[in-house]
Amino acid sequence: KKGRERKFSIRTEIGLLVLMSITGLSDRRLWEELKSNIYYQVFCGILLLPEEKTGNWKILSDIRRRYSKVTNIFELQDLSADHWREYLKQQNG
C-alpha cells in the first residue's frame, strides 16, 4: 500500500471530473456547490456530512492532476460516446 488513503472512491472522483468539465466552475466554486447541492452529491455517489463540508477544495485539483497523468482524454471521449450513443436523441456521428 503506497501513500495515503483516498478520500473519495474512483467512481466519485470520475463524477467530480465530469462535473468540473460540464459546469466549468473553478475548483473552489465547485467545492462550494458540491457541499450545498444534493444533486451534485448524488451524481458523484457521495453524501457529505456536515463535518465533511468544511474540507479543502484543493482536493479537486489533486484529483484532476492525478488523472491527467494516466488518462488519454481522446480515448476516454470515444469510449464514453460509444457507451452512451444509444441513449442520445441527437447524434452527430
N, C-alpha and C. Protein backbone atom coordinates (compact mmCIF):
# COMPACT_ATOMS: atom_id res chain seq x y z
N LYS A 1 0.85 -1.18 0.00
CA LYS A 1 0.00 0.00 0.00
C LYS A 1 0.89 1.24 0.00
N LYS A 2 0.70 2.10 -0.98
CA LYS A 2 1.53 3.30 -1.09
C LYS A 2 0.70 4.55 -0.86
N GLY A 3 1.29 5.51 -0.19
CA GLY A 3 0.64 6.80 0.00
C GLY A 3 -0.55 6.75 0.95
N ARG A 4 -1.22 7.88 1.03
CA ARG A 4 -2.37 7.96 1.93
C ARG A 4 -3.62 7.39 1.25
N GLU A 5 -4.60 7.08 2.07
CA GLU A 5 -5.85 6.53 1.55
C GLU A 5 -6.61 7.59 0.76
N ARG A 6 -7.38 7.13 -0.21
CA ARG A 6 -8.21 8.03 -0.99
C ARG A 6 -9.32 8.61 -0.11
N LYS A 7 -9.61 9.87 -0.31
CA LYS A 7 -10.75 10.49 0.38
C LYS A 7 -12.04 10.05 -0.28
N PHE A 8 -12.03 9.92 -1.62
CA PHE A 8 -13.20 9.54 -2.38
C PHE A 8 -12.92 8.27 -3.18
N SER A 9 -13.99 7.56 -3.53
CA SER A 9 -13.85 6.37 -4.38
C SER A 9 -13.51 6.81 -5.80
N ILE A 10 -13.08 5.87 -6.60
CA ILE A 10 -12.78 6.18 -8.01
C ILE A 10 -14.04 6.66 -8.71
N ARG A 11 -15.18 6.05 -8.42
CA ARG A 11 -16.45 6.48 -9.02
C ARG A 11 -16.73 7.94 -8.70
N THR A 12 -16.52 8.33 -7.46
CA THR A 12 -16.75 9.71 -7.05
C THR A 12 -15.77 10.64 -7.74
N GLU A 13 -14.52 10.24 -7.83
CA GLU A 13 -13.52 11.08 -8.48
C GLU A 13 -13.85 11.31 -9.95
N ILE A 14 -14.29 10.25 -10.64
CA ILE A 14 -14.68 10.40 -12.04
C ILE A 14 -15.90 11.32 -12.14
N GLY A 15 -16.86 11.16 -11.24
CA GLY A 15 -18.02 12.05 -11.22
C GLY A 15 -17.62 13.50 -11.03
N LEU A 16 -16.67 13.73 -10.14
CA LEU A 16 -16.18 15.09 -9.92
C LEU A 16 -15.51 15.65 -11.17
N LEU A 17 -14.74 14.81 -11.86
CA LEU A 17 -14.10 15.25 -13.10
C LEU A 17 -15.14 15.63 -14.15
N VAL A 18 -16.21 14.84 -14.24
CA VAL A 18 -17.27 15.15 -15.19
C VAL A 18 -17.94 16.47 -14.81
N LEU A 19 -18.23 16.64 -13.51
CA LEU A 19 -18.84 17.90 -13.07
C LEU A 19 -17.93 19.10 -13.36
N MET A 20 -16.63 18.93 -13.15
CA MET A 20 -15.69 20.01 -13.46
C MET A 20 -15.80 20.39 -14.92
N SER A 21 -15.89 19.37 -15.76
CA SER A 21 -15.94 19.60 -17.20
C SER A 21 -17.24 20.27 -17.63
N ILE A 22 -18.37 19.76 -17.17
CA ILE A 22 -19.64 20.28 -17.69
C ILE A 22 -20.07 21.58 -17.04
N THR A 23 -19.62 21.86 -15.81
CA THR A 23 -20.02 23.11 -15.17
C THR A 23 -19.08 24.26 -15.49
N GLY A 24 -17.82 23.93 -15.73
CA GLY A 24 -16.84 24.99 -15.99
C GLY A 24 -16.50 25.81 -14.76
N LEU A 25 -16.87 25.31 -13.59
CA LEU A 25 -16.61 26.05 -12.35
C LEU A 25 -15.17 25.87 -11.90
N SER A 26 -14.65 26.84 -11.19
CA SER A 26 -13.33 26.71 -10.59
C SER A 26 -13.39 25.64 -9.51
N ASP A 27 -12.24 25.15 -9.10
CA ASP A 27 -12.20 24.13 -8.06
C ASP A 27 -12.89 24.62 -6.78
N ARG A 28 -12.58 25.84 -6.40
CA ARG A 28 -13.15 26.40 -5.18
C ARG A 28 -14.68 26.52 -5.29
N ARG A 29 -15.15 27.02 -6.42
CA ARG A 29 -16.59 27.21 -6.61
C ARG A 29 -17.31 25.86 -6.70
N LEU A 30 -16.71 24.89 -7.39
CA LEU A 30 -17.32 23.57 -7.49
C LEU A 30 -17.42 22.93 -6.11
N TRP A 31 -16.38 23.09 -5.28
CA TRP A 31 -16.42 22.54 -3.93
C TRP A 31 -17.57 23.15 -3.13
N GLU A 32 -17.75 24.47 -3.26
CA GLU A 32 -18.84 25.14 -2.58
C GLU A 32 -20.19 24.62 -3.06
N GLU A 33 -20.32 24.44 -4.36
CA GLU A 33 -21.56 23.91 -4.92
C GLU A 33 -21.80 22.48 -4.45
N LEU A 34 -20.75 21.69 -4.45
CA LEU A 34 -20.86 20.28 -4.05
C LEU A 34 -21.35 20.17 -2.60
N LYS A 35 -20.87 21.05 -1.75
CA LYS A 35 -21.26 21.00 -0.33
C LYS A 35 -22.74 21.28 -0.14
N SER A 36 -23.33 22.09 -1.01
CA SER A 36 -24.71 22.50 -0.80
C SER A 36 -25.70 21.90 -1.80
N ASN A 37 -25.21 21.22 -2.81
CA ASN A 37 -26.09 20.73 -3.87
C ASN A 37 -26.21 19.21 -3.78
N ILE A 38 -27.32 18.75 -3.28
CA ILE A 38 -27.53 17.31 -3.10
C ILE A 38 -27.50 16.59 -4.45
N TYR A 39 -27.92 17.24 -5.52
CA TYR A 39 -27.90 16.62 -6.84
C TYR A 39 -26.48 16.34 -7.30
N TYR A 40 -25.57 17.26 -7.06
CA TYR A 40 -24.16 17.03 -7.39
C TYR A 40 -23.61 15.87 -6.57
N GLN A 41 -23.99 15.82 -5.30
CA GLN A 41 -23.51 14.74 -4.44
C GLN A 41 -24.02 13.38 -4.93
N VAL A 42 -25.31 13.32 -5.27
CA VAL A 42 -25.88 12.07 -5.76
C VAL A 42 -25.21 11.68 -7.08
N PHE A 43 -24.98 12.63 -7.96
CA PHE A 43 -24.32 12.37 -9.24
C PHE A 43 -22.95 11.73 -9.01
N CYS A 44 -22.25 12.21 -7.99
CA CYS A 44 -20.90 11.71 -7.69
C CYS A 44 -20.92 10.48 -6.77
N GLY A 45 -22.10 10.11 -6.30
CA GLY A 45 -22.20 8.93 -5.45
C GLY A 45 -21.68 9.15 -4.04
N ILE A 46 -21.87 10.36 -3.52
CA ILE A 46 -21.41 10.65 -2.15
C ILE A 46 -22.50 11.40 -1.40
N LEU A 47 -22.36 11.44 -0.11
CA LEU A 47 -23.19 12.28 0.74
C LEU A 47 -22.25 12.93 1.73
N LEU A 48 -22.09 14.24 1.61
CA LEU A 48 -21.19 14.95 2.50
C LEU A 48 -21.91 15.28 3.80
N LEU A 49 -21.37 14.77 4.88
CA LEU A 49 -21.92 15.05 6.20
C LEU A 49 -21.49 16.45 6.63
N PRO A 50 -22.20 17.06 7.58
CA PRO A 50 -21.86 18.42 7.98
C PRO A 50 -20.38 18.62 8.35
N GLU A 51 -19.78 17.65 9.03
CA GLU A 51 -18.37 17.81 9.41
C GLU A 51 -17.42 17.69 8.21
N GLU A 52 -17.89 17.08 7.11
CA GLU A 52 -17.07 16.96 5.91
C GLU A 52 -17.21 18.18 5.01
N LYS A 53 -18.18 18.99 5.26
CA LYS A 53 -18.45 20.11 4.37
C LYS A 53 -17.45 21.25 4.51
N THR A 54 -16.51 21.12 5.40
CA THR A 54 -15.50 22.17 5.55
C THR A 54 -14.17 21.74 4.95
N GLY A 55 -14.15 20.63 4.23
CA GLY A 55 -12.90 20.10 3.66
C GLY A 55 -12.20 21.07 2.73
N ASN A 56 -11.05 20.69 2.31
CA ASN A 56 -10.21 21.53 1.47
C ASN A 56 -10.59 21.37 0.00
N TRP A 57 -10.92 22.46 -0.65
CA TRP A 57 -11.31 22.44 -2.06
C TRP A 57 -10.15 22.04 -2.97
N LYS A 58 -8.93 22.10 -2.47
CA LYS A 58 -7.76 21.77 -3.31
C LYS A 58 -7.71 20.29 -3.67
N ILE A 59 -8.53 19.47 -3.01
CA ILE A 59 -8.58 18.05 -3.35
C ILE A 59 -9.02 17.87 -4.80
N LEU A 60 -9.83 18.81 -5.31
CA LEU A 60 -10.30 18.70 -6.70
C LEU A 60 -9.16 18.86 -7.69
N SER A 61 -8.25 19.78 -7.44
CA SER A 61 -7.11 19.92 -8.36
C SER A 61 -6.17 18.72 -8.23
N ASP A 62 -6.07 18.14 -7.03
CA ASP A 62 -5.26 16.92 -6.85
C ASP A 62 -5.84 15.78 -7.68
N ILE A 63 -7.15 15.64 -7.67
CA ILE A 63 -7.81 14.59 -8.45
C ILE A 63 -7.56 14.80 -9.94
N ARG A 64 -7.76 16.02 -10.41
CA ARG A 64 -7.55 16.33 -11.83
C ARG A 64 -6.11 16.06 -12.25
N ARG A 65 -5.18 16.45 -11.41
CA ARG A 65 -3.76 16.25 -11.71
C ARG A 65 -3.42 14.76 -11.79
N ARG A 66 -3.95 13.99 -10.84
CA ARG A 66 -3.67 12.54 -10.80
C ARG A 66 -4.18 11.85 -12.06
N TYR A 67 -5.40 12.17 -12.48
CA TYR A 67 -5.98 11.51 -13.65
C TYR A 67 -5.37 12.01 -14.96
N SER A 68 -4.93 13.25 -14.99
CA SER A 68 -4.35 13.78 -16.23
C SER A 68 -3.05 13.07 -16.59
N LYS A 69 -2.38 12.52 -15.60
CA LYS A 69 -1.12 11.82 -15.85
C LYS A 69 -1.33 10.44 -16.48
N VAL A 70 -2.51 9.85 -16.29
CA VAL A 70 -2.72 8.47 -16.73
C VAL A 70 -3.89 8.30 -17.71
N THR A 71 -4.51 9.39 -18.12
CA THR A 71 -5.70 9.29 -18.96
C THR A 71 -5.46 9.91 -20.32
N ASN A 72 -5.81 9.15 -21.36
CA ASN A 72 -5.84 9.69 -22.71
C ASN A 72 -7.25 10.20 -22.93
N ILE A 73 -7.43 11.50 -22.88
CA ILE A 73 -8.76 12.10 -22.91
C ILE A 73 -9.51 11.78 -24.20
N PHE A 74 -8.78 11.66 -25.32
CA PHE A 74 -9.44 11.37 -26.58
C PHE A 74 -9.97 9.94 -26.61
N GLU A 75 -9.22 9.02 -26.06
CA GLU A 75 -9.67 7.64 -25.96
C GLU A 75 -10.87 7.54 -25.02
N LEU A 76 -10.81 8.25 -23.90
CA LEU A 76 -11.92 8.25 -22.95
C LEU A 76 -13.18 8.84 -23.58
N GLN A 77 -13.02 9.88 -24.35
CA GLN A 77 -14.16 10.50 -25.02
C GLN A 77 -14.80 9.52 -26.00
N ASP A 78 -13.99 8.81 -26.78
CA ASP A 78 -14.53 7.83 -27.73
C ASP A 78 -15.25 6.70 -27.00
N LEU A 79 -14.67 6.20 -25.91
CA LEU A 79 -15.31 5.14 -25.14
C LEU A 79 -16.64 5.60 -24.55
N SER A 80 -16.66 6.81 -24.03
CA SER A 80 -17.89 7.36 -23.45
C SER A 80 -18.97 7.53 -24.53
N ALA A 81 -18.57 8.05 -25.68
CA ALA A 81 -19.53 8.24 -26.77
C ALA A 81 -20.10 6.91 -27.22
N ASP A 82 -19.27 5.90 -27.35
CA ASP A 82 -19.75 4.58 -27.75
C ASP A 82 -20.72 4.01 -26.72
N HIS A 83 -20.42 4.21 -25.46
CA HIS A 83 -21.28 3.68 -24.39
C HIS A 83 -22.65 4.35 -24.37
N TRP A 84 -22.68 5.67 -24.51
CA TRP A 84 -23.92 6.43 -24.34
C TRP A 84 -24.68 6.66 -25.65
N ARG A 85 -24.12 6.26 -26.78
CA ARG A 85 -24.71 6.55 -28.09
C ARG A 85 -26.18 6.15 -28.19
N GLU A 86 -26.54 4.98 -27.71
CA GLU A 86 -27.93 4.51 -27.85
C GLU A 86 -28.92 5.35 -27.03
N TYR A 87 -28.43 6.10 -26.05
CA TYR A 87 -29.31 6.91 -25.22
C TYR A 87 -29.46 8.34 -25.72
N LEU A 88 -28.68 8.71 -26.70
CA LEU A 88 -28.70 10.08 -27.21
C LEU A 88 -29.79 10.25 -28.26
N LYS A 89 -30.56 11.30 -28.12
CA LYS A 89 -31.62 11.57 -29.11
C LYS A 89 -31.03 12.13 -30.40
N GLN A 90 -30.07 13.04 -30.26
CA GLN A 90 -29.44 13.64 -31.43
C GLN A 90 -27.99 13.18 -31.48
N GLN A 91 -27.61 12.61 -32.60
CA GLN A 91 -26.25 12.11 -32.74
C GLN A 91 -25.59 12.81 -33.91
N ASN A 92 -24.37 13.25 -33.69
CA ASN A 92 -23.62 13.94 -34.73
C ASN A 92 -22.58 13.05 -35.37
N GLY A 93 -22.75 11.78 -35.28
CA GLY A 93 -21.77 10.93 -35.96
C GLY A 93 -21.44 9.68 -35.26
